[in-house]
N, C-alpha and C. Protein backbone atom coordinates (compact mmCIF):
# COMPACT_ATOMS: atom_id res chain seq x y z
N MET A 1 -17.17 -20.66 -18.71
CA MET A 1 -16.42 -20.28 -17.21
C MET A 1 -14.73 -19.92 -17.75
N ALA A 2 -14.38 -20.14 -18.92
CA ALA A 2 -13.14 -19.56 -19.54
C ALA A 2 -13.28 -17.83 -19.03
N ALA A 3 -14.26 -17.51 -19.80
CA ALA A 3 -14.50 -15.77 -20.09
C ALA A 3 -14.56 -15.51 -18.59
N GLU A 4 -15.48 -16.00 -17.82
CA GLU A 4 -15.06 -15.31 -16.33
C GLU A 4 -13.87 -15.39 -15.72
N ALA A 5 -13.10 -16.73 -15.97
CA ALA A 5 -11.38 -16.66 -15.70
C ALA A 5 -10.81 -15.74 -16.03
N VAL A 6 -11.15 -15.44 -17.32
CA VAL A 6 -10.22 -14.45 -17.82
C VAL A 6 -10.61 -12.81 -17.11
N THR A 7 -11.82 -12.74 -16.85
CA THR A 7 -12.30 -11.21 -16.26
C THR A 7 -11.54 -11.11 -15.21
N ILE A 8 -11.62 -12.27 -14.21
CA ILE A 8 -11.05 -12.35 -12.52
C ILE A 8 -9.41 -12.04 -13.21
N ASP A 9 -8.93 -12.78 -13.85
CA ASP A 9 -7.50 -12.27 -13.69
C ASP A 9 -6.88 -10.96 -14.22
N GLU A 10 -7.94 -10.80 -15.35
CA GLU A 10 -7.34 -9.12 -15.83
C GLU A 10 -7.93 -7.97 -14.62
N ARG A 11 -8.97 -8.20 -13.65
CA ARG A 11 -8.99 -7.64 -12.51
C ARG A 11 -8.19 -7.32 -11.41
N GLU A 12 -7.17 -8.82 -11.28
CA GLU A 12 -6.33 -9.10 -10.37
C GLU A 12 -4.86 -8.42 -11.14
N VAL A 13 -5.13 -8.44 -12.18
CA VAL A 13 -3.46 -8.03 -12.90
C VAL A 13 -4.01 -6.21 -12.61
N GLN A 14 -5.07 -5.86 -13.06
CA GLN A 14 -5.05 -3.90 -12.70
C GLN A 14 -5.14 -3.83 -11.26
N GLU A 15 -5.86 -4.25 -10.32
CA GLU A 15 -5.45 -4.23 -8.87
C GLU A 15 -4.27 -4.01 -8.53
N GLU A 16 -2.91 -4.78 -9.26
CA GLU A 16 -1.86 -4.98 -8.65
C GLU A 16 -0.69 -4.08 -9.15
N LYS A 17 -1.32 -3.28 -10.66
CA LYS A 17 -0.75 -2.25 -11.19
C LYS A 17 -1.19 -0.53 -10.17
N VAL A 18 -2.28 -0.68 -9.93
CA VAL A 18 -2.77 0.37 -9.23
C VAL A 18 -1.80 0.20 -7.74
N MET A 19 -1.82 -1.03 -7.22
CA MET A 19 -0.96 -0.58 -5.86
C MET A 19 0.71 0.02 -6.31
N ASP A 20 1.10 -1.08 -7.43
CA ASP A 20 2.33 -0.62 -7.51
C ASP A 20 2.58 0.83 -8.14
N VAL A 21 1.53 1.27 -8.51
CA VAL A 21 1.57 2.84 -9.11
C VAL A 21 1.58 3.75 -7.15
N ILE A 22 1.06 3.21 -6.63
CA ILE A 22 0.65 3.68 -5.62
C ILE A 22 1.92 3.91 -4.18
N LEU A 23 2.45 2.83 -4.48
CA LEU A 23 3.64 2.47 -3.77
C LEU A 23 4.59 3.30 -4.20
N GLY A 24 4.85 3.29 -6.05
CA GLY A 24 5.67 3.76 -5.87
C GLY A 24 5.27 5.76 -5.78
N VAL A 25 4.61 6.49 -5.78
CA VAL A 25 3.77 7.28 -5.45
C VAL A 25 4.29 7.91 -4.28
N ALA A 26 4.13 6.50 -3.35
CA ALA A 26 4.45 6.97 -1.63
C ALA A 26 5.78 6.66 -1.97
N LYS A 27 6.62 6.29 -2.32
CA LYS A 27 7.96 6.41 -1.93
C LYS A 27 8.37 7.85 -2.92
N GLY A 28 7.95 8.66 -3.83
CA GLY A 28 8.11 10.08 -4.40
C GLY A 28 8.02 10.80 -2.99
N ILE A 29 6.89 11.00 -2.48
CA ILE A 29 6.51 11.43 -1.26
C ILE A 29 7.64 12.01 -0.02
N SER A 30 7.87 10.05 0.23
CA SER A 30 8.76 9.86 1.08
C SER A 30 10.02 10.94 0.94
N LYS A 31 10.36 10.73 -0.22
CA LYS A 31 11.66 11.25 -0.46
C LYS A 31 12.17 12.79 -0.41
N SER A 32 10.38 13.52 -0.47
CA SER A 32 10.41 15.02 -0.96
C SER A 32 10.23 15.48 0.58
N GLY A 33 10.19 14.56 2.01
CA GLY A 33 10.21 14.87 3.04
C GLY A 33 8.67 15.54 3.80
N GLU A 34 7.72 14.80 3.08
CA GLU A 34 6.59 15.16 2.91
C GLU A 34 5.50 14.25 3.56
N GLY A 35 4.21 14.04 4.27
CA GLY A 35 3.36 12.67 4.38
C GLY A 35 2.44 12.69 3.86
N GLY A 36 1.74 11.87 3.88
CA GLY A 36 0.31 11.21 3.30
C GLY A 36 -0.34 10.32 3.13
N LEU A 37 -1.66 9.87 3.16
CA LEU A 37 -2.22 8.83 3.46
C LEU A 37 -3.34 8.75 1.99
N ILE A 38 -2.85 7.44 1.48
CA ILE A 38 -3.94 7.01 0.64
C ILE A 38 -4.66 5.74 0.78
N VAL A 39 -5.74 5.67 0.48
CA VAL A 39 -6.61 4.27 1.07
C VAL A 39 -7.60 4.25 -0.05
N ILE A 40 -7.27 2.53 -0.74
CA ILE A 40 -7.65 2.02 -1.67
C ILE A 40 -8.76 1.24 -1.06
N ALA A 41 -9.94 1.04 -1.49
CA ALA A 41 -11.20 0.70 -1.35
C ALA A 41 -12.05 0.74 -2.10
N ASP A 42 -12.82 -0.01 -2.42
CA ASP A 42 -14.46 -0.27 -3.13
C ASP A 42 -15.18 1.12 -2.82
N ARG A 43 -16.07 1.68 -4.13
CA ARG A 43 -16.33 2.71 -4.03
C ARG A 43 -17.71 2.95 -2.97
N ALA A 44 -18.53 1.84 -3.10
CA ALA A 44 -19.37 1.42 -2.64
C ALA A 44 -19.16 1.39 -0.76
N ASP A 45 -18.63 0.88 -0.76
CA ASP A 45 -17.76 0.57 0.62
C ASP A 45 -17.43 1.77 1.58
N ILE A 46 -16.69 2.36 0.69
CA ILE A 46 -16.18 3.99 1.46
C ILE A 46 -17.46 4.82 1.25
N ASP A 47 -17.89 4.84 0.70
CA ASP A 47 -19.26 6.20 0.40
C ASP A 47 -19.70 5.76 1.80
N GLY A 48 -19.78 7.22 2.37
CA GLY A 48 -20.37 7.53 3.75
C GLY A 48 -19.26 7.55 4.63
N LEU A 49 -18.37 7.11 4.52
CA LEU A 49 -17.04 7.19 5.72
C LEU A 49 -16.15 8.12 5.17
N PHE A 50 -16.44 9.17 4.93
CA PHE A 50 -15.43 10.15 4.51
C PHE A 50 -16.28 11.75 4.39
N GLU A 51 -15.30 13.22 4.45
CA GLU A 51 -15.86 13.97 4.04
C GLU A 51 -14.72 14.67 3.36
N THR A 52 -15.14 15.75 2.64
CA THR A 52 -14.27 16.25 1.94
C THR A 52 -13.87 17.55 2.24
N HIS A 53 -12.67 18.15 2.44
CA HIS A 53 -12.52 19.78 2.74
C HIS A 53 -12.35 20.54 1.90
N TYR A 54 -12.47 20.02 0.11
CA TYR A 54 -12.20 21.11 -0.39
C TYR A 54 -12.80 20.60 -1.83
N PRO A 55 -12.92 21.46 -2.97
CA PRO A 55 -13.85 21.43 -4.26
C PRO A 55 -13.53 19.92 -4.74
N GLN A 56 -13.85 19.17 -5.36
CA GLN A 56 -13.50 17.98 -5.69
C GLN A 56 -13.76 17.93 -7.36
N PHE A 57 -13.08 17.29 -7.97
CA PHE A 57 -12.58 17.21 -9.70
C PHE A 57 -12.69 15.55 -9.69
N THR A 58 -13.31 15.25 -11.00
CA THR A 58 -13.01 14.00 -11.31
C THR A 58 -12.53 13.88 -12.46
N THR A 59 -11.90 12.80 -13.30
CA THR A 59 -11.12 12.49 -14.25
C THR A 59 -11.49 11.31 -14.63
N ALA A 60 -11.57 10.80 -15.81
CA ALA A 60 -11.61 9.47 -16.61
C ALA A 60 -10.62 8.50 -16.47
N TYR A 61 -9.32 8.75 -16.18
CA TYR A 61 -8.30 8.30 -16.32
C TYR A 61 -7.76 7.50 -14.48
N PRO A 62 -7.91 6.64 -14.97
CA PRO A 62 -7.11 5.74 -13.62
C PRO A 62 -5.96 6.54 -13.26
N VAL A 63 -5.25 5.73 -12.47
CA VAL A 63 -3.72 6.17 -11.40
C VAL A 63 -2.77 5.54 -12.23
N THR A 64 -2.93 4.57 -13.20
CA THR A 64 -2.34 3.82 -14.21
C THR A 64 -1.73 4.67 -15.43
N GLU A 65 -2.58 5.66 -15.47
CA GLU A 65 -2.55 6.58 -16.89
C GLU A 65 -1.17 7.12 -16.69
N LYS A 66 -0.24 7.09 -17.88
CA LYS A 66 0.88 7.98 -17.68
C LYS A 66 0.91 9.59 -17.01
N GLY A 67 1.60 9.66 -16.35
CA GLY A 67 0.96 11.31 -15.84
C GLY A 67 0.39 11.36 -14.66
N MET A 68 -0.22 10.46 -14.37
CA MET A 68 -1.62 10.11 -13.30
C MET A 68 -0.81 10.28 -11.92
N ASN A 69 0.38 9.58 -12.22
CA ASN A 69 1.27 9.15 -10.40
C ASN A 69 1.81 10.58 -10.51
N VAL A 70 2.20 11.63 -11.21
CA VAL A 70 2.49 12.98 -11.01
C VAL A 70 1.37 13.72 -10.52
N VAL A 71 0.11 13.53 -10.58
CA VAL A 71 -1.27 14.40 -10.17
C VAL A 71 -1.33 13.34 -8.86
N LEU A 72 -1.20 12.42 -8.73
CA LEU A 72 -1.59 11.60 -7.54
C LEU A 72 -0.84 12.24 -6.32
N GLU A 73 0.84 12.31 -6.57
CA GLU A 73 1.60 12.48 -5.47
C GLU A 73 1.14 14.21 -5.21
N LYS A 74 1.22 15.15 -6.25
CA LYS A 74 0.53 16.00 -5.36
C LYS A 74 -0.31 16.52 -4.85
N LEU A 75 -1.85 15.61 -5.31
CA LEU A 75 -2.92 15.31 -3.96
C LEU A 75 -2.97 14.82 -2.76
N ALA A 76 -1.87 13.33 -2.93
CA ALA A 76 -1.80 13.24 -1.67
C ALA A 76 -1.41 13.85 -0.80
N THR A 77 -0.24 15.31 -1.00
CA THR A 77 0.14 15.86 0.08
C THR A 77 -0.61 17.13 0.49
N ILE A 78 -1.72 17.12 -0.08
CA ILE A 78 -3.20 18.11 0.42
C ILE A 78 -3.23 17.36 1.86
N ASP A 79 -3.71 18.07 3.04
CA ASP A 79 -4.46 17.52 3.54
C ASP A 79 -5.42 16.64 4.04
N GLY A 80 -5.72 15.66 4.20
CA GLY A 80 -6.59 14.86 4.26
C GLY A 80 -6.29 13.59 3.44
N SER A 81 -6.77 12.80 2.82
CA SER A 81 -6.61 11.41 2.63
C SER A 81 -6.92 11.35 1.05
N VAL A 82 -6.47 10.26 0.20
CA VAL A 82 -6.86 10.36 -1.01
C VAL A 82 -7.71 9.21 -1.16
N LEU A 83 -8.94 8.71 -1.97
CA LEU A 83 -9.67 7.68 -1.54
C LEU A 83 -9.38 7.52 -3.16
N ILE A 84 -8.81 5.98 -3.50
CA ILE A 84 -8.84 5.19 -4.63
C ILE A 84 -9.45 3.85 -4.82
N THR A 85 -9.70 3.28 -5.53
CA THR A 85 -11.01 2.34 -5.72
C THR A 85 -9.60 1.29 -6.25
N PRO A 86 -9.73 0.01 -6.24
CA PRO A 86 -8.88 -0.99 -6.69
C PRO A 86 -8.62 -0.86 -8.19
N ARG A 87 -9.60 -0.79 -8.68
CA ARG A 87 -9.42 -0.07 -10.03
C ARG A 87 -8.44 1.19 -11.22
N GLY A 88 -8.51 1.94 -9.72
CA GLY A 88 -7.26 2.84 -9.75
C GLY A 88 -8.19 4.44 -10.02
N GLU A 89 -9.35 4.17 -9.86
CA GLU A 89 -9.88 5.55 -10.05
C GLU A 89 -10.41 6.29 -8.72
N LEU A 90 -10.24 7.69 -8.88
CA LEU A 90 -9.86 8.60 -8.13
C LEU A 90 -11.52 8.65 -7.52
N VAL A 91 -11.28 8.65 -6.14
CA VAL A 91 -13.11 8.94 -5.27
C VAL A 91 -12.99 10.15 -4.81
N ALA A 92 -11.84 10.42 -4.53
CA ALA A 92 -11.49 12.14 -2.90
C ALA A 92 -10.48 12.16 -3.17
N PHE A 93 -10.34 13.39 -2.58
CA PHE A 93 -9.01 13.73 -2.29
C PHE A 93 -9.43 15.08 -0.85
N GLY A 94 -8.18 15.06 -0.29
CA GLY A 94 -8.20 16.11 0.92
C GLY A 94 -9.34 15.16 1.54
N ALA A 95 -9.69 14.20 2.10
CA ALA A 95 -10.93 14.14 2.28
C ALA A 95 -10.48 13.18 4.06
N ARG A 96 -11.71 13.87 5.00
CA ARG A 96 -11.37 13.01 6.34
C ARG A 96 -12.19 12.20 6.90
N LEU A 97 -11.55 11.01 7.07
CA LEU A 97 -11.97 9.44 7.40
C LEU A 97 -12.88 9.61 8.43
N LEU A 98 -13.96 8.98 8.59
CA LEU A 98 -14.63 9.18 9.57
C LEU A 98 -14.67 7.89 10.70
N ARG A 99 -13.74 7.09 10.13
CA ARG A 99 -13.08 5.76 10.96
C ARG A 99 -11.71 5.95 11.45
N SER A 100 -11.28 5.98 12.66
CA SER A 100 -10.11 6.15 12.97
C SER A 100 -9.90 5.08 14.73
N THR A 101 -8.83 5.06 14.91
CA THR A 101 -8.46 3.80 15.98
C THR A 101 -7.26 4.31 16.24
N THR A 102 -7.09 4.94 17.59
CA THR A 102 -5.87 5.42 18.28
C THR A 102 -4.89 4.81 18.13
N LEU A 103 -3.91 5.14 17.75
CA LEU A 103 -2.64 4.33 18.02
C LEU A 103 -1.78 4.67 19.08
N PRO A 104 -1.46 4.40 20.29
CA PRO A 104 -0.35 4.88 21.14
C PRO A 104 0.49 5.41 20.96
N GLY A 105 0.92 6.88 20.86
CA GLY A 105 2.55 7.41 20.44
C GLY A 105 2.18 7.68 18.81
N PHE A 106 1.00 7.83 18.26
CA PHE A 106 1.07 7.84 16.77
C PHE A 106 0.31 9.33 16.50
N GLY A 107 -0.03 9.53 15.23
CA GLY A 107 -0.90 10.73 15.24
C GLY A 107 -2.37 10.46 14.51
N THR A 108 -3.11 11.65 13.82
CA THR A 108 -3.82 10.96 13.00
C THR A 108 -4.06 10.52 11.83
N ARG A 109 -2.92 10.53 11.13
CA ARG A 109 -2.92 9.78 9.53
C ARG A 109 -3.19 8.46 10.09
N HIS A 110 -2.09 7.57 11.52
CA HIS A 110 -1.85 6.20 11.38
C HIS A 110 -3.35 5.83 12.16
N ALA A 111 -3.85 6.76 13.08
CA ALA A 111 -5.28 6.54 13.66
C ALA A 111 -6.05 6.14 12.54
N ALA A 112 -6.39 7.19 11.61
CA ALA A 112 -7.53 6.75 10.33
C ALA A 112 -7.00 5.52 9.49
N ALA A 113 -6.01 6.02 9.13
CA ALA A 113 -5.19 4.24 8.38
C ALA A 113 -5.83 2.87 8.88
N SER A 114 -5.59 2.38 10.52
CA SER A 114 -5.87 1.72 11.58
C SER A 114 -7.33 1.88 11.21
N GLY A 115 -7.89 2.60 11.69
CA GLY A 115 -9.35 3.03 11.59
C GLY A 115 -10.47 2.17 10.28
N ILE A 116 -10.05 2.98 9.11
CA ILE A 116 -10.49 2.64 8.19
C ILE A 116 -10.41 1.08 8.00
N THR A 117 -9.16 0.80 7.91
CA THR A 117 -9.05 -0.68 7.03
C THR A 117 -9.55 -1.64 8.16
N GLU A 118 -9.73 -1.42 9.59
CA GLU A 118 -10.68 -2.50 10.14
C GLU A 118 -11.63 -1.81 9.98
N SER A 119 -12.60 -1.19 9.78
CA SER A 119 -13.98 -1.27 8.91
C SER A 119 -14.25 -1.74 8.19
N LEU A 120 -13.02 -1.57 6.72
CA LEU A 120 -13.34 -2.13 5.61
C LEU A 120 -12.21 -3.59 5.85
N PRO A 121 -12.30 -4.58 5.95
CA PRO A 121 -11.67 -5.26 5.69
C PRO A 121 -10.59 -5.97 4.61
N ASN A 122 -11.34 -5.31 3.59
CA ASN A 122 -10.86 -5.53 1.75
C ASN A 122 -10.01 -4.14 1.35
N SER A 123 -9.93 -3.03 2.44
CA SER A 123 -9.49 -1.67 1.92
C SER A 123 -7.64 -2.24 2.71
N THR A 124 -6.96 -1.21 1.71
CA THR A 124 -5.35 -1.07 2.37
C THR A 124 -5.64 0.27 1.96
N ALA A 125 -4.50 1.05 3.41
CA ALA A 125 -3.92 2.43 3.61
C ALA A 125 -2.72 2.32 3.48
N ILE A 126 -2.06 3.39 2.34
CA ILE A 126 -1.03 3.60 2.46
C ILE A 126 -0.29 4.64 3.20
N LEU A 127 0.56 4.75 4.34
CA LEU A 127 0.39 5.89 5.13
C LEU A 127 2.03 5.80 4.94
N ILE A 128 2.45 7.40 4.70
CA ILE A 128 3.47 8.13 4.39
C ILE A 128 4.33 9.26 5.64
N SER A 129 4.82 8.80 6.75
CA SER A 129 5.29 9.26 7.69
C SER A 129 6.05 10.43 7.52
N GLU A 130 5.78 11.64 7.72
CA GLU A 130 6.47 12.95 7.42
C GLU A 130 7.52 12.81 8.52
N GLU A 131 7.55 12.48 9.62
CA GLU A 131 8.35 12.29 10.63
C GLU A 131 9.58 11.05 10.32
N SER A 132 9.31 9.95 10.11
CA SER A 132 10.44 8.99 9.61
C SER A 132 10.89 8.88 8.28
N SER A 133 9.87 9.21 7.35
CA SER A 133 9.90 9.06 5.91
C SER A 133 9.59 7.65 5.48
N TRP A 134 8.80 7.02 6.17
CA TRP A 134 9.06 5.29 5.94
C TRP A 134 7.52 5.60 5.74
N ILE A 135 7.26 4.64 4.68
CA ILE A 135 5.74 4.08 4.01
C ILE A 135 5.41 2.61 5.14
N LYS A 136 4.26 2.68 5.56
CA LYS A 136 3.49 1.84 6.43
C LYS A 136 1.68 1.31 5.52
N VAL A 137 2.06 0.23 5.42
CA VAL A 137 1.02 -0.17 4.62
C VAL A 137 -0.04 -0.81 5.71
N PHE A 138 -1.48 -0.53 6.09
CA PHE A 138 -2.25 -1.05 6.83
C PHE A 138 -3.04 -1.76 5.89
N GLN A 139 -3.56 -3.17 6.81
CA GLN A 139 -4.72 -3.93 6.25
C GLN A 139 -5.16 -4.36 7.79
N LYS A 140 -6.63 -4.41 7.50
CA LYS A 140 -7.33 -4.60 8.66
C LYS A 140 -7.03 -4.41 9.95
N GLY A 141 -6.41 -3.33 9.99
CA GLY A 141 -6.46 -2.67 11.07
C GLY A 141 -4.83 -2.53 11.59
N THR A 142 -4.28 -3.03 11.08
CA THR A 142 -2.79 -3.18 11.70
C THR A 142 -1.32 -2.84 10.32
N ILE A 143 -0.62 -2.81 11.14
CA ILE A 143 0.76 -2.45 9.83
C ILE A 143 1.32 -4.17 9.01
N VAL A 144 1.07 -4.36 7.88
CA VAL A 144 1.38 -5.35 7.78
C VAL A 144 2.69 -4.94 6.81
N LEU A 145 2.95 -3.99 6.57
CA LEU A 145 4.38 -4.16 5.78
C LEU A 145 4.81 -2.70 6.24
N GLU A 146 6.32 -2.22 6.60
CA GLU A 146 6.79 -1.28 6.23
C GLU A 146 7.86 -1.00 5.17
N MET A 147 8.37 0.20 4.51
CA MET A 147 9.46 0.17 3.74
C MET A 147 10.12 1.61 3.84
N ASP A 148 11.03 1.50 3.42
CA ASP A 148 11.92 2.99 3.07
C ASP A 148 12.01 3.96 1.79
N SER A 149 12.33 4.77 1.30
CA SER A 149 11.91 5.54 0.32
C SER A 149 13.17 5.05 -0.70
N SER A 150 14.50 3.94 -0.14
CA SER A 150 14.94 3.71 -1.68
C SER A 150 14.50 3.18 -2.55
N GLU A 151 15.31 3.32 -3.87
CA GLU A 151 14.60 2.77 -5.06
C GLU A 151 14.84 1.33 -4.80
N VAL A 152 14.03 0.18 -5.70
CA VAL A 152 14.07 -1.28 -5.71
C VAL A 152 13.45 -1.09 -7.21
N ASN A 153 14.14 -2.80 -7.54
CA ASN A 153 14.17 -2.91 -8.99
C ASN A 153 12.33 -3.09 -8.93
N PRO A 154 12.26 -2.90 -10.50
CA PRO A 154 10.63 -2.92 -10.52
C PRO A 154 10.18 -4.14 -10.24
N ASN A 155 11.07 -5.04 -10.61
CA ASN A 155 10.13 -6.44 -10.54
C ASN A 155 10.16 -6.98 -8.96
N VAL A 156 10.74 -6.21 -8.08
CA VAL A 156 10.58 -6.79 -6.79
C VAL A 156 9.34 -5.92 -6.30
N MET A 157 9.25 -4.55 -6.63
CA MET A 157 7.96 -3.97 -6.83
C MET A 157 6.72 -4.62 -7.17
N GLU A 158 6.54 -5.09 -8.23
CA GLU A 158 5.76 -5.87 -8.86
C GLU A 158 5.15 -6.79 -7.54
N LYS A 159 6.38 -7.75 -6.93
CA LYS A 159 5.85 -9.24 -6.61
C LYS A 159 5.46 -8.42 -5.17
N VAL A 160 5.83 -7.28 -4.53
CA VAL A 160 5.40 -6.91 -3.33
C VAL A 160 4.04 -6.68 -3.43
N ALA A 161 4.05 -5.88 -4.53
CA ALA A 161 2.22 -5.14 -4.62
C ALA A 161 1.20 -6.64 -5.02
N ALA A 162 1.80 -7.67 -5.64
CA ALA A 162 1.25 -8.68 -5.92
C ALA A 162 0.68 -9.51 -4.62
N PHE A 163 1.69 -9.29 -3.67
CA PHE A 163 1.42 -9.87 -2.23
C PHE A 163 0.16 -9.11 -1.18
N LEU A 164 0.91 -7.80 -1.55
CA LEU A 164 -0.03 -6.73 -1.07
C LEU A 164 -1.85 -6.96 -1.63
N THR A 165 -1.99 -7.23 -2.75
CA THR A 165 -3.15 -7.13 -3.16
C THR A 165 -3.90 -8.70 -2.93
N ARG A 166 -2.80 -10.01 -3.49
CA ARG A 166 -3.68 -11.19 -2.98
C ARG A 166 -3.24 -11.66 -1.82
N GLY A 167 -2.27 -10.92 -0.83
CA GLY A 167 -2.55 -11.47 0.35
C GLY A 167 -1.55 -13.07 0.19
N ASP A 168 -0.88 -13.43 -0.87
CA ASP A 168 -0.01 -14.77 -0.88
C ASP A 168 1.73 -14.36 -0.68
N THR A 169 2.16 -15.26 0.10
CA THR A 169 3.20 -14.66 0.85
C THR A 169 4.64 -15.07 -0.18
N ALA A 170 3.94 -16.59 -0.96
CA ALA A 170 5.06 -16.82 -1.51
C ALA A 170 4.97 -15.83 -2.96
N LEU A 171 4.64 -15.02 -3.28
CA LEU A 171 4.74 -14.00 -4.40
C LEU A 171 5.72 -13.09 -3.46
N LEU A 172 5.36 -12.92 -2.45
CA LEU A 172 6.38 -11.82 -1.92
C LEU A 172 7.89 -12.40 -1.87
N ALA A 173 7.93 -13.63 -1.51
CA ALA A 173 9.24 -14.77 -1.31
C ALA A 173 9.95 -14.83 -2.84
N ALA A 174 8.86 -14.64 -3.76
CA ALA A 174 9.47 -14.72 -5.09
C ALA A 174 10.47 -13.59 -5.55
N ALA A 175 10.50 -12.35 -4.93
CA ALA A 175 10.97 -11.36 -4.67
C ALA A 175 12.42 -11.55 -4.31
N PHE A 176 12.53 -12.76 -3.30
CA PHE A 176 13.93 -12.76 -2.67
C PHE A 176 15.03 -13.60 -3.60
N LEU A 177 15.74 -12.92 -4.71
CA LEU A 177 16.38 -13.45 -5.09
C LEU A 177 17.62 -13.03 -4.85
N SER A 178 17.98 -11.82 -4.63
CA SER A 178 19.48 -11.12 -4.19
C SER A 178 18.78 -10.65 -2.77
N ILE A 179 19.12 -11.10 -1.93
CA ILE A 179 18.49 -10.52 -0.55
C ILE A 179 19.58 -10.72 0.85
N VAL A 180 19.75 -9.68 2.00
CA VAL A 180 20.06 -10.09 2.93
C VAL A 180 19.16 -9.90 4.33
N VAL A 181 18.44 -11.30 4.84
CA VAL A 181 18.17 -11.37 5.89
C VAL A 181 18.11 -11.05 7.08
N LEU A 182 17.86 -10.18 8.09
CA LEU A 182 18.68 -9.95 8.93
C LEU A 182 17.92 -11.05 10.23
N PRO A 183 18.35 -11.05 11.17
CA PRO A 183 17.84 -12.18 11.81
C PRO A 183 16.23 -11.86 11.87
N VAL A 184 15.52 -13.33 11.99
CA VAL A 184 14.25 -13.43 11.51
C VAL A 184 13.50 -13.52 13.26
N THR A 185 12.45 -12.46 13.15
CA THR A 185 11.63 -12.12 14.40
C THR A 185 10.42 -11.82 13.35
N PRO A 186 9.19 -11.84 14.61
CA PRO A 186 7.85 -11.59 14.49
C PRO A 186 7.90 -10.10 12.96
N GLN A 187 8.53 -9.39 13.72
CA GLN A 187 8.49 -8.38 12.82
C GLN A 187 10.30 -8.35 11.71
N SER A 188 10.20 -9.66 10.76
CA SER A 188 10.92 -9.41 9.97
C SER A 188 11.71 -8.54 8.85
N ILE A 189 12.93 -7.99 9.00
CA ILE A 189 13.83 -7.23 8.20
C ILE A 189 13.90 -7.43 7.26
N VAL A 190 13.94 -7.23 6.16
CA VAL A 190 14.70 -7.75 4.86
C VAL A 190 14.87 -6.64 4.10
N TYR A 191 16.12 -6.96 3.47
CA TYR A 191 16.85 -6.07 2.77
C TYR A 191 16.93 -6.62 1.19
N ILE A 192 16.19 -5.63 0.43
CA ILE A 192 15.75 -6.18 -0.95
C ILE A 192 16.62 -5.01 -1.76
N GLY A 193 17.71 -5.24 -2.59
CA GLY A 193 18.22 -4.48 -3.70
C GLY A 193 17.85 -2.82 -3.19
N GLY A 194 18.54 -2.67 -1.82
CA GLY A 194 19.05 -1.29 -1.57
C GLY A 194 17.68 -0.96 -0.77
N ALA A 195 16.87 -1.54 -0.24
CA ALA A 195 15.60 -0.95 0.64
C ALA A 195 15.55 -2.03 1.53
N TYR A 196 14.92 -1.35 2.72
CA TYR A 196 14.44 -2.15 3.54
C TYR A 196 12.71 -2.56 3.66
N LEU A 197 12.12 -3.86 3.98
CA LEU A 197 11.09 -3.90 4.14
C LEU A 197 11.06 -4.80 5.36
N ILE A 198 10.29 -4.11 6.27
CA ILE A 198 9.52 -4.86 7.61
C ILE A 198 8.27 -5.61 7.16
N VAL A 199 8.39 -6.69 7.48
CA VAL A 199 7.22 -7.58 6.99
C VAL A 199 6.54 -7.40 8.06
N LYS A 200 5.71 -8.04 8.55
CA LYS A 200 4.59 -7.71 9.87
C LYS A 200 3.92 -9.14 9.99
N SER A 201 3.14 -9.27 8.70
CA SER A 201 2.48 -10.49 8.69
C SER A 201 2.68 -11.73 8.25
N THR A 202 1.91 -12.86 8.21
CA THR A 202 2.21 -14.03 7.68
C THR A 202 3.97 -14.36 8.48
N PHE A 203 4.06 -14.42 9.15
CA PHE A 203 5.13 -14.40 9.70
C PHE A 203 5.68 -15.84 9.58
N GLU A 204 4.94 -17.01 10.17
CA GLU A 204 5.34 -18.38 10.06
C GLU A 204 5.60 -18.77 8.50
N THR A 205 4.89 -18.49 7.71
CA THR A 205 4.89 -19.06 6.35
C THR A 205 6.06 -18.10 5.75
N LEU A 206 6.33 -16.85 6.33
CA LEU A 206 7.50 -16.36 5.48
C LEU A 206 8.90 -16.87 6.51
N SER A 207 8.81 -16.95 7.57
CA SER A 207 9.88 -17.59 8.26
C SER A 207 10.62 -18.82 7.39
N SER A 208 9.46 -19.52 7.11
CA SER A 208 9.74 -20.75 6.56
C SER A 208 9.95 -20.65 5.26
N LEU A 209 9.83 -20.05 4.44
CA LEU A 209 10.00 -19.62 2.88
C LEU A 209 11.82 -19.38 2.83
N LEU A 210 12.00 -18.13 3.77
CA LEU A 210 12.97 -17.38 4.09
C LEU A 210 14.25 -18.38 3.99
N LYS A 211 14.19 -19.16 5.02
CA LYS A 211 14.78 -20.34 5.55
C LYS A 211 15.26 -21.29 4.15
N GLY A 212 14.13 -21.64 3.59
CA GLY A 212 14.19 -22.59 2.33
C GLY A 212 15.01 -22.11 1.18
N ILE A 213 15.37 -20.29 1.13
CA ILE A 213 15.70 -19.67 -0.03
C ILE A 213 17.36 -19.91 0.82
N ASP A 214 17.44 -19.70 1.86
CA ASP A 214 18.90 -19.12 2.53
C ASP A 214 19.63 -20.76 2.26
N SER A 215 18.81 -22.09 2.43
CA SER A 215 19.61 -22.94 2.53
C SER A 215 19.71 -23.78 0.79
N ALA A 216 18.96 -22.91 0.12
CA ALA A 216 19.26 -23.66 -1.18
C ALA A 216 20.37 -23.53 -1.92
């Protein structure tokens, strides 16, 4: 049992590292004024749900390897989506997703991000808006979090990555060590270390945690 627990823990740590790297890449793309879409999904789940526009290459290096963030940033700005496994393996780039859900007022990237995460409940899509420069994170077909491109303390971003990977709101609340919380609404805007995060999921739990921090 102990060996299995270690394996599960190691997998979670790797998945959080992958999410952290991708969020950092998204911030870099946002600052450059370009857009992109990165989808994290198991290879077996997403197989058959995309088509590629360009000749593909493979690499044995996960996105967590030094220098791969630069490669990923370039690939993500190519027309289409970048597909990554939770372990950080590159599946495809310049991919057209075959699942989409139209979101009124938004374009094809939003439709693809919503559609693929609705079809694959365990997937996550990170969309970088070329128009607004905001980063939007989709899970289960909806936007669960938005953020701007401001630099944030790495420890905070690690907790945000853990929240998105595990879905544990307490992990996100742990990042709120020095924050300004604007009026709490179902789309709570949190100002953390110079960056805005709009948290759109688990509102009741998050609201309670924020109130507890505020009164501490």
